[in-house]
Amino acid sequence: MKITDEIIDHLSHLSRLEFEGEERERIKADLTKIIGFVDQLSSVNTDGVEPLIFMTESENVLREDVDAVTVSQADALKNAAVHDSDYFKIPTVLKK
């Protein structure tokens, strides 16, 4: 694949970046190297190789989801700068 100025312009637009002068040529050279590297994969013989779906055979071991009270409401409110009997009080964020 040949990296052209049109491809650079399109990628610039998609990424909302601007490439001018020497920087544009460096990007073009870098993309050419990347495409060349990836093209090497097409020369690898993959006959008889199954697609890899998972990296390991192990499975996640998850604990049972159990509802438990870990901090009481009174303990949580104890460290609040400002609170009333049941809730934290914070400064107004949105004004109507």
C-alpha atoms as a PDB file:
ATOM      1  CA  MET A   1       0.000   0.000   0.000  1.00  0.00           C
ATOM      2  CA  LYS A   2       1.354   3.392  -0.979  1.00  0.00           C
ATOM      3  CA  ILE A   3       0.883   6.226   1.517  1.00  0.00           C
ATOM      4  CA  THR A   4      -0.209   9.300  -0.425  1.00  0.00           C
ATOM      5  CA  ASP A   5      -0.879  12.895   0.534  1.00  0.00           C
ATOM      6  CA  GLU A   6      -4.609  12.172   0.254  1.00  0.00           C
ATOM      7  CA  ILE A   7      -4.328   9.435   2.888  1.00  0.00           C
ATOM      8  CA  ILE A   8      -2.369  11.775   5.167  1.00  0.00           C
ATOM      9  CA  ASP A   9      -5.022  14.482   4.649  1.00  0.00           C
ATOM     10  CA  HIS A  10      -7.802  12.018   5.448  1.00  0.00           C
ATOM     11  CA  LEU A  11      -6.051  10.729   8.593  1.00  0.00           C
ATOM     12  CA  SER A  12      -5.297  14.315   9.631  1.00  0.00           C
ATOM     13  CA  HIS A  13      -8.956  15.190   9.336  1.00  0.00           C
ATOM     14  CA  LEU A  14     -10.081  12.104  11.285  1.00  0.00           C
ATOM     15  CA  SER A  15      -7.571  12.678  14.078  1.00  0.00           C
ATOM     16  CA  ARG A  16      -8.066  16.459  14.080  1.00  0.00           C
ATOM     17  CA  LEU A  17      -4.311  16.951  13.718  1.00  0.00           C
ATOM     18  CA  GLU A  18      -2.376  19.114  11.297  1.00  0.00           C
ATOM     19  CA  PHE A  19       0.797  17.937   9.569  1.00  0.00           C
ATOM     20  CA  GLU A  20       2.846  20.441   7.586  1.00  0.00           C
ATOM     21  CA  GLY A  21       6.228  20.334   5.847  1.00  0.00           C
ATOM     22  CA  GLU A  22       8.857  18.070   7.372  1.00  0.00           C
ATOM     23  CA  GLU A  23       6.442  16.676   9.939  1.00  0.00           C
ATOM     24  CA  ARG A  24       4.145  15.531   7.109  1.00  0.00           C
ATOM     25  CA  GLU A  25       7.022  13.671   5.453  1.00  0.00           C
ATOM     26  CA  ARG A  26       8.001  12.008   8.743  1.00  0.00           C
ATOM     27  CA  ILE A  27       4.415  10.818   9.259  1.00  0.00           C
ATOM     28  CA  LYS A  28       4.330   9.492   5.701  1.00  0.00           C
ATOM     29  CA  ALA A  29       7.626   7.611   6.252  1.00  0.00           C
ATOM     30  CA  ASP A  30       6.444   6.201   9.589  1.00  0.00           C
ATOM     31  CA  LEU A  31       3.159   4.978   8.105  1.00  0.00           C
ATOM     32  CA  THR A  32       5.040   3.368   5.213  1.00  0.00           C
ATOM     33  CA  LYS A  33       7.246   1.485   7.711  1.00  0.00           C
ATOM     34  CA  ILE A  34       4.213   0.383   9.739  1.00  0.00           C
ATOM     35  CA  ILE A  35       2.356  -0.871   6.665  1.00  0.00           C
ATOM     36  CA  GLY A  36       5.504  -2.699   5.508  1.00  0.00           C
ATOM     37  CA  PHE A  37       5.876  -4.384   8.873  1.00  0.00           C
ATOM     38  CA  VAL A  38       2.233  -5.508   8.913  1.00  0.00           C
ATOM     39  CA  ASP A  39       2.545  -6.764   5.307  1.00  0.00           C
ATOM     40  CA  GLN A  40       5.196  -9.215   6.522  1.00  0.00           C
ATOM     41  CA  LEU A  41       2.438 -11.105   8.330  1.00  0.00           C
ATOM     42  CA  SER A  42       0.902 -12.121   4.994  1.00  0.00           C
ATOM     43  CA  SER A  43       4.023 -14.193   4.231  1.00  0.00           C
ATOM     44  CA  VAL A  44       3.571 -16.364   7.346  1.00  0.00           C
ATOM     45  CA  ASN A  45       2.081 -19.814   6.679  1.00  0.00           C
ATOM     46  CA  THR A  46      -0.982 -20.145   8.917  1.00  0.00           C
ATOM     47  CA  ASP A  47      -2.457 -23.322   7.408  1.00  0.00           C
ATOM     48  CA  GLY A  48      -3.834 -25.537  10.154  1.00  0.00           C
ATOM     49  CA  VAL A  49      -3.563 -22.864  12.860  1.00  0.00           C
ATOM     50  CA  GLU A  50      -6.786 -22.345  14.770  1.00  0.00           C
ATOM     51  CA  PRO A  51      -7.838 -18.765  15.500  1.00  0.00           C
ATOM     52  CA  LEU A  52      -6.934 -17.619  19.011  1.00  0.00           C
ATOM     53  CA  ILE A  53     -10.002 -16.630  20.969  1.00  0.00           C
ATOM     54  CA  PHE A  54      -8.609 -16.529  24.521  1.00  0.00           C
ATOM     55  CA  MET A  55      -5.024 -15.959  25.643  1.00  0.00           C
ATOM     56  CA  THR A  56      -5.179 -18.638  28.379  1.00  0.00           C
ATOM     57  CA  GLU A  57      -7.271 -21.663  29.231  1.00  0.00           C
ATOM     58  CA  SER A  58      -8.037 -20.391  32.743  1.00  0.00           C
ATOM     59  CA  GLU A  59     -11.387 -18.879  33.624  1.00  0.00           C
ATOM     60  CA  ASN A  60     -12.283 -16.073  35.981  1.00  0.00           C
ATOM     61  CA  VAL A  61     -13.126 -17.240  39.454  1.00  0.00           C
ATOM     62  CA  LEU A  62     -15.622 -14.774  40.827  1.00  0.00           C
ATOM     63  CA  ARG A  63     -16.990 -14.560  44.322  1.00  0.00           C
ATOM     64  CA  GLU A  64     -20.682 -14.702  45.027  1.00  0.00           C
ATOM     65  CA  ASP A  65     -22.282 -11.246  45.000  1.00  0.00           C
ATOM     66  CA  VAL A  66     -23.602 -10.879  48.536  1.00  0.00           C
ATOM     67  CA  ASP A  67     -25.339  -7.780  49.837  1.00  0.00           C
ATOM     68  CA  ALA A  68     -23.599  -6.654  53.028  1.00  0.00           C
ATOM     69  CA  VAL A  69     -23.433  -3.415  54.979  1.00  0.00           C
ATOM     70  CA  THR A  70     -19.778  -2.434  55.237  1.00  0.00           C
ATOM     71  CA  VAL A  71     -20.102   1.196  56.376  1.00  0.00           C
ATOM     72  CA  SER A  72     -23.086   2.414  58.324  1.00  0.00           C
ATOM     73  CA  GLN A  73     -24.789   5.652  57.369  1.00  0.00           C
ATOM     74  CA  ALA A  74     -23.736   7.237  60.653  1.00  0.00           C
ATOM     75  CA  ASP A  75     -20.077   6.269  60.101  1.00  0.00           C
ATOM     76  CA  ALA A  76     -20.140   7.682  56.548  1.00  0.00           C
ATOM     77  CA  LEU A  77     -21.649  10.980  57.703  1.00  0.00           C
ATOM     78  CA  LYS A  78     -19.201  11.271  60.593  1.00  0.00           C
ATOM     79  CA  ASN A  79     -16.404  12.516  58.259  1.00  0.00           C
ATOM     80  CA  ALA A  80     -18.589  14.794  56.126  1.00  0.00           C
ATOM     81  CA  ALA A  81     -17.794  18.495  56.286  1.00  0.00           C
ATOM     82  CA  VAL A  82     -21.484  19.418  56.179  1.00  0.00           C
ATOM     83  CA  HIS A  83     -24.440  17.076  56.585  1.00  0.00           C
ATOM     84  CA  ASP A  84     -27.943  16.910  57.989  1.00  0.00           C
ATOM     85  CA  SER A  85     -29.435  13.911  59.758  1.00  0.00           C
ATOM     86  CA  ASP A  86     -29.416  11.586  56.722  1.00  0.00           C
ATOM     87  CA  TYR A  87     -27.513  13.143  53.790  1.00  0.00           C
ATOM     88  CA  PHE A  88     -24.281  14.830  52.710  1.00  0.00           C
ATOM     89  CA  LYS A  89     -24.713  18.537  51.919  1.00  0.00           C
ATOM     90  CA  ILE A  90     -22.735  19.982  49.018  1.00  0.00           C
ATOM     91  CA  PRO A  91     -22.640  23.420  47.394  1.00  0.00           C
ATOM     92  CA  THR A  92     -25.102  24.027  44.578  1.00  0.00           C
ATOM     93  CA  VAL A  93     -23.642  22.841  41.287  1.00  0.00           C
ATOM     94  CA  LEU A  94     -26.402  23.716  38.828  1.00  0.00           C
ATOM     95  CA  LYS A  95     -28.511  26.833  39.093  1.00  0.00           C
ATOM     96  CA  LYS A  96     -32.071  26.780  37.809  1.00  0.00           C
END
